[in-house]
Amino acid sequence: MEIILFKGRILETKKKLYKQITAKISCLLDIAPKSIFILLRENDDIENWGFGGKITTVQC
């Protein structure tokens, strides 16, 4: 699984995200947690993001 997000989350937040996503996918799809790979791609170039047909101008 690949997740693209804005930079700025602390390591503890990322650890919680990995743990919760892994637990949910493992349970819902009957997949061993060790078989789940999560890649976070952090992007800080706000002008390369668009929402609602417009270029994003403020970070969320």
PDB file of N, CA and C in Angstrom:
ATOM      1  N   MET A   1       0.843  -1.154   0.000  1.00  0.00           N
ATOM      2  CA  MET A   1       0.000   0.000   0.000  1.00  0.00           C
ATOM      3  C   MET A   1       0.894   1.223   0.000  1.00  0.00           C
ATOM      4  N   GLU A   2       0.548   2.185  -0.826  1.00  0.00           N
ATOM      5  CA  GLU A   2       1.297   3.434  -0.879  1.00  0.00           C
ATOM      6  C   GLU A   2       0.376   4.572  -0.485  1.00  0.00           C
ATOM      7  N   ILE A   3       0.867   5.434   0.395  1.00  0.00           N
ATOM      8  CA  ILE A   3       0.102   6.600   0.843  1.00  0.00           C
ATOM      9  C   ILE A   3       0.954   7.833   0.575  1.00  0.00           C
ATOM     10  N   ILE A   4       0.373   8.798  -0.117  1.00  0.00           N
ATOM     11  CA  ILE A   4       1.069  10.046  -0.399  1.00  0.00           C
ATOM     12  C   ILE A   4       0.460  11.117   0.496  1.00  0.00           C
ATOM     13  N   LEU A   5       1.325  11.855   1.199  1.00  0.00           N
ATOM     14  CA  LEU A   5       0.829  12.847   2.147  1.00  0.00           C
ATOM     15  C   LEU A   5       1.803  14.007   2.252  1.00  0.00           C
ATOM     16  N   PHE A   6       1.308  15.097   2.837  1.00  0.00           N
ATOM     17  CA  PHE A   6       2.174  16.243   3.093  1.00  0.00           C
ATOM     18  C   PHE A   6       3.146  15.900   4.210  1.00  0.00           C
ATOM     19  N   LYS A   7       4.348  16.452   4.156  1.00  0.00           N
ATOM     20  CA  LYS A   7       5.338  16.267   5.217  1.00  0.00           C
ATOM     21  C   LYS A   7       4.843  16.929   6.497  1.00  0.00           C
ATOM     22  N   GLY A   8       5.381  16.441   7.620  1.00  0.00           N
ATOM     23  CA  GLY A   8       5.101  17.125   8.867  1.00  0.00           C
ATOM     24  C   GLY A   8       4.626  16.246  10.008  1.00  0.00           C
ATOM     25  N   ARG A   9       4.335  14.978   9.742  1.00  0.00           N
ATOM     26  CA  ARG A   9       3.889  14.106  10.831  1.00  0.00           C
ATOM     27  C   ARG A   9       5.088  13.578  11.612  1.00  0.00           C
ATOM     28  N   ILE A  10       4.909  13.457  12.911  1.00  0.00           N
ATOM     29  CA  ILE A  10       5.987  12.933  13.744  1.00  0.00           C
ATOM     30  C   ILE A  10       6.028  11.412  13.643  1.00  0.00           C
ATOM     31  N   LEU A  11       7.152  10.840  14.055  1.00  0.00           N
ATOM     32  CA  LEU A  11       7.350   9.394  13.959  1.00  0.00           C
ATOM     33  C   LEU A  11       6.268   8.614  14.704  1.00  0.00           C
ATOM     34  N   GLU A  12       5.858   9.073  15.873  1.00  0.00           N
ATOM     35  CA  GLU A  12       4.819   8.368  16.639  1.00  0.00           C
ATOM     36  C   GLU A  12       3.510   8.285  15.867  1.00  0.00           C
ATOM     37  N   THR A  13       3.151   9.335  15.163  1.00  0.00           N
ATOM     38  CA  THR A  13       1.926   9.336  14.350  1.00  0.00           C
ATOM     39  C   THR A  13       2.027   8.309  13.234  1.00  0.00           C
ATOM     40  N   LYS A  14       3.186   8.239  12.606  1.00  0.00           N
ATOM     41  CA  LYS A  14       3.392   7.264  11.534  1.00  0.00           C
ATOM     42  C   LYS A  14       3.319   5.837  12.072  1.00  0.00           C
ATOM     43  N   LYS A  15       3.914   5.603  13.223  1.00  0.00           N
ATOM     44  CA  LYS A  15       3.860   4.272  13.834  1.00  0.00           C
ATOM     45  C   LYS A  15       2.420   3.856  14.108  1.00  0.00           C
ATOM     46  N   LYS A  16       1.609   4.778  14.604  1.00  0.00           N
ATOM     47  CA  LYS A  16       0.193   4.481  14.870  1.00  0.00           C
ATOM     48  C   LYS A  16      -0.538   4.163  13.566  1.00  0.00           C
ATOM     49  N   LEU A  17      -0.228   4.930  12.530  1.00  0.00           N
ATOM     50  CA  LEU A  17      -0.858   4.702  11.227  1.00  0.00           C
ATOM     51  C   LEU A  17      -0.517   3.315  10.698  1.00  0.00           C
ATOM     52  N   TYR A  18       0.763   2.947  10.724  1.00  0.00           N
ATOM     53  CA  TYR A  18       1.184   1.617  10.268  1.00  0.00           C
ATOM     54  C   TYR A  18       0.461   0.510  11.045  1.00  0.00           C
ATOM     55  N   LYS A  19       0.437   0.668  12.355  1.00  0.00           N
ATOM     56  CA  LYS A  19      -0.166  -0.351  13.207  1.00  0.00           C
ATOM     57  C   LYS A  19      -1.660  -0.509  12.930  1.00  0.00           C
ATOM     58  N   GLN A  20      -2.378   0.603  12.843  1.00  0.00           N
ATOM     59  CA  GLN A  20      -3.829   0.537  12.644  1.00  0.00           C
ATOM     60  C   GLN A  20      -4.196   0.033  11.251  1.00  0.00           C
ATOM     61  N   ILE A  21      -3.503   0.509  10.241  1.00  0.00           N
ATOM     62  CA  ILE A  21      -3.789   0.036   8.881  1.00  0.00           C
ATOM     63  C   ILE A  21      -3.497  -1.457   8.771  1.00  0.00           C
ATOM     64  N   THR A  22      -2.365  -1.880   9.297  1.00  0.00           N
ATOM     65  CA  THR A  22      -2.003  -3.297   9.239  1.00  0.00           C
ATOM     66  C   THR A  22      -3.035  -4.157   9.947  1.00  0.00           C
ATOM     67  N   ALA A  23      -3.464  -3.740  11.129  1.00  0.00           N
ATOM     68  CA  ALA A  23      -4.459  -4.507  11.883  1.00  0.00           C
ATOM     69  C   ALA A  23      -5.772  -4.618  11.111  1.00  0.00           C
ATOM     70  N   LYS A  24      -6.237  -3.511  10.539  1.00  0.00           N
ATOM     71  CA  LYS A  24      -7.519  -3.515   9.806  1.00  0.00           C
ATOM     72  C   LYS A  24      -7.452  -4.381   8.552  1.00  0.00           C
ATOM     73  N   ILE A  25      -6.409  -4.202   7.761  1.00  0.00           N
ATOM     74  CA  ILE A  25      -6.292  -4.979   6.521  1.00  0.00           C
ATOM     75  C   ILE A  25      -6.120  -6.462   6.833  1.00  0.00           C
ATOM     76  N   SER A  26      -5.307  -6.756   7.822  1.00  0.00           N
ATOM     77  CA  SER A  26      -5.078  -8.146   8.213  1.00  0.00           C
ATOM     78  C   SER A  26      -6.389  -8.823   8.597  1.00  0.00           C
ATOM     79  N   CYS A  27      -7.179  -8.143   9.382  1.00  0.00           N
ATOM     80  CA  CYS A  27      -8.450  -8.698   9.850  1.00  0.00           C
ATOM     81  C   CYS A  27      -9.482  -8.805   8.724  1.00  0.00           C
ATOM     82  N   LEU A  28      -9.643  -7.730   7.978  1.00  0.00           N
ATOM     83  CA  LEU A  28     -10.669  -7.700   6.930  1.00  0.00           C
ATOM     84  C   LEU A  28     -10.393  -8.666   5.782  1.00  0.00           C
ATOM     85  N   LEU A  29      -9.132  -8.804   5.417  1.00  0.00           N
ATOM     86  CA  LEU A  29      -8.785  -9.614   4.244  1.00  0.00           C
ATOM     87  C   LEU A  29      -8.098 -10.927   4.583  1.00  0.00           C
ATOM     88  N   ASP A  30      -7.983 -11.223   5.869  1.00  0.00           N
ATOM     89  CA  ASP A  30      -7.350 -12.451   6.334  1.00  0.00           C
ATOM     90  C   ASP A  30      -5.940 -12.604   5.751  1.00  0.00           C
ATOM     91  N   ILE A  31      -5.166 -11.547   5.908  1.00  0.00           N
ATOM     92  CA  ILE A  31      -3.781 -11.518   5.432  1.00  0.00           C
ATOM     93  C   ILE A  31      -2.866 -11.435   6.646  1.00  0.00           C
ATOM     94  N   ALA A  32      -1.786 -12.167   6.631  1.00  0.00           N
ATOM     95  CA  ALA A  32      -0.822 -12.102   7.732  1.00  0.00           C
ATOM     96  C   ALA A  32      -0.224 -10.696   7.805  1.00  0.00           C
ATOM     97  N   PRO A  33      -0.142 -10.113   8.992  1.00  0.00           N
ATOM     98  CA  PRO A  33       0.431  -8.769   9.134  1.00  0.00           C
ATOM     99  C   PRO A  33       1.823  -8.636   8.507  1.00  0.00           C
ATOM    100  N   LYS A  34       2.617  -9.697   8.559  1.00  0.00           N
ATOM    101  CA  LYS A  34       3.956  -9.644   7.967  1.00  0.00           C
ATOM    102  C   LYS A  34       3.930  -9.534   6.447  1.00  0.00           C
ATOM    103  N   SER A  35       2.767  -9.791   5.851  1.00  0.00           N
ATOM    104  CA  SER A  35       2.632  -9.719   4.393  1.00  0.00           C
ATOM    105  C   SER A  35       2.197  -8.339   3.914  1.00  0.00           C
ATOM    106  N   ILE A  36       1.956  -7.441   4.842  1.00  0.00           N
ATOM    107  CA  ILE A  36       1.451  -6.109   4.490  1.00  0.00           C
ATOM    108  C   ILE A  36       2.611  -5.120   4.489  1.00  0.00           C
ATOM    109  N   PHE A  37       2.786  -4.452   3.362  1.00  0.00           N
ATOM    110  CA  PHE A  37       3.860  -3.476   3.186  1.00  0.00           C
ATOM    111  C   PHE A  37       3.225  -2.110   2.978  1.00  0.00           C
ATOM    112  N   ILE A  38       3.633  -1.138   3.766  1.00  0.00           N
ATOM    113  CA  ILE A  38       3.089   0.220   3.668  1.00  0.00           C
ATOM    114  C   ILE A  38       4.231   1.175   3.371  1.00  0.00           C
ATOM    115  N   LEU A  39       4.056   2.001   2.359  1.00  0.00           N
ATOM    116  CA  LEU A  39       5.048   2.994   1.983  1.00  0.00           C
ATOM    117  C   LEU A  39       4.417   4.372   2.101  1.00  0.00           C
ATOM    118  N   LEU A  40       4.998   5.226   2.922  1.00  0.00           N
ATOM    119  CA  LEU A  40       4.556   6.617   3.019  1.00  0.00           C
ATOM    120  C   LEU A  40       5.463   7.467   2.146  1.00  0.00           C
ATOM    121  N   ARG A  41       4.876   8.198   1.246  1.00  0.00           N
ATOM    122  CA  ARG A  41       5.635   9.134   0.414  1.00  0.00           C
ATOM    123  C   ARG A  41       5.251  10.539   0.860  1.00  0.00           C
ATOM    124  N   GLU A  42       6.205  11.211   1.454  1.00  0.00           N
ATOM    125  CA  GLU A  42       5.943  12.562   1.934  1.00  0.00           C
ATOM    126  C   GLU A  42       6.348  13.571   0.867  1.00  0.00           C
ATOM    127  N   ASN A  43       5.497  14.533   0.646  1.00  0.00           N
ATOM    128  CA  ASN A  43       5.715  15.547  -0.376  1.00  0.00           C
ATOM    129  C   ASN A  43       5.573  16.914   0.270  1.00  0.00           C
ATOM    130  N   ASP A  44       6.556  17.767   0.049  1.00  0.00           N
ATOM    131  CA  ASP A  44       6.447  19.114   0.600  1.00  0.00           C
ATOM    132  C   ASP A  44       6.304  20.179  -0.476  1.00  0.00           C
ATOM    133  N   ASP A  45       6.148  19.746  -1.704  1.00  0.00           N
ATOM    134  CA  ASP A  45       5.984  20.677  -2.817  1.00  0.00           C
ATOM    135  C   ASP A  45       4.496  20.902  -3.066  1.00  0.00           C
ATOM    136  N   ILE A  46       3.926  21.825  -2.317  1.00  0.00           N
ATOM    137  CA  ILE A  46       2.477  22.051  -2.294  1.00  0.00           C
ATOM    138  C   ILE A  46       1.892  22.366  -3.672  1.00  0.00           C
ATOM    139  N   GLU A  47       2.681  22.972  -4.556  1.00  0.00           N
ATOM    140  CA  GLU A  47       2.127  23.340  -5.854  1.00  0.00           C
ATOM    141  C   GLU A  47       1.895  22.141  -6.761  1.00  0.00           C
ATOM    142  N   ASN A  48       2.387  20.966  -6.362  1.00  0.00           N
ATOM    143  CA  ASN A  48       2.141  19.749  -7.135  1.00  0.00           C
ATOM    144  C   ASN A  48       0.915  18.987  -6.665  1.00  0.00           C
ATOM    145  N   TRP A  49       0.152  19.582  -5.766  1.00  0.00           N
ATOM    146  CA  TRP A  49      -1.070  18.970  -5.257  1.00  0.00           C
ATOM    147  C   TRP A  49      -2.270  19.776  -5.744  1.00  0.00           C
ATOM    148  N   GLY A  50      -3.345  19.084  -6.030  1.00  0.00           N
ATOM    149  CA  GLY A  50      -4.572  19.766  -6.416  1.00  0.00           C
ATOM    150  C   GLY A  50      -5.778  19.100  -5.780  1.00  0.00           C
ATOM    151  N   PHE A  51      -6.716  19.903  -5.362  1.00  0.00           N
ATOM    152  CA  PHE A  51      -7.970  19.407  -4.781  1.00  0.00           C
ATOM    153  C   PHE A  51      -9.118  20.202  -5.382  1.00  0.00           C
ATOM    154  N   GLY A  52     -10.164  19.523  -5.754  1.00  0.00           N
ATOM    155  CA  GLY A  52     -11.337  20.216  -6.290  1.00  0.00           C
ATOM    156  C   GLY A  52     -11.059  20.995  -7.552  1.00  0.00           C
ATOM    157  N   GLY A  53     -10.116  20.526  -8.357  1.00  0.00           N
ATOM    158  CA  GLY A  53      -9.823  21.184  -9.620  1.00  0.00           C
ATOM    159  C   GLY A  53      -8.915  22.395  -9.504  1.00  0.00           C
ATOM    160  N   LYS A  54      -8.339  22.644  -8.332  1.00  0.00           N
ATOM    161  CA  LYS A  54      -7.484  23.799  -8.123  1.00  0.00           C
ATOM    162  C   LYS A  54      -6.165  23.381  -7.493  1.00  0.00           C
ATOM    163  N   ILE A  55      -5.135  24.183  -7.738  1.00  0.00           N
ATOM    164  CA  ILE A  55      -3.844  23.955  -7.095  1.00  0.00           C
ATOM    165  C   ILE A  55      -3.970  24.296  -5.624  1.00  0.00           C
ATOM    166  N   THR A  56      -3.411  23.458  -4.788  1.00  0.00           N
ATOM    167  CA  THR A  56      -3.443  23.686  -3.350  1.00  0.00           C
ATOM    168  C   THR A  56      -2.486  24.827  -3.014  1.00  0.00           C
ATOM    169  N   THR A  57      -2.958  25.754  -2.175  1.00  0.00           N
ATOM    170  CA  THR A  57      -2.119  26.895  -1.829  1.00  0.00           C
ATOM    171  C   THR A  57      -1.758  26.934  -0.345  1.00  0.00           C
ATOM    172  N   VAL A  58      -2.464  26.177   0.463  1.00  0.00           N
ATOM    173  CA  VAL A  58      -2.153  26.136   1.891  1.00  0.00           C
ATOM    174  C   VAL A  58      -2.022  24.698   2.336  1.00  0.00           C
ATOM    175  N   GLN A  59      -1.067  24.437   3.218  1.00  0.00           N
ATOM    176  CA  GLN A  59      -0.917  23.093   3.729  1.00  0.00           C
ATOM    177  C   GLN A  59      -2.054  22.779   4.677  1.00  0.00           C
ATOM    178  N   CYS A  60      -2.463  21.507   4.656  1.00  0.00           N
ATOM    179  CA  CYS A  60      -3.527  21.034   5.541  1.00  0.00           C
ATOM    180  C   CYS A  60      -2.970  20.744   6.897  1.00  0.00           C
TER     181      CYS A  60
END
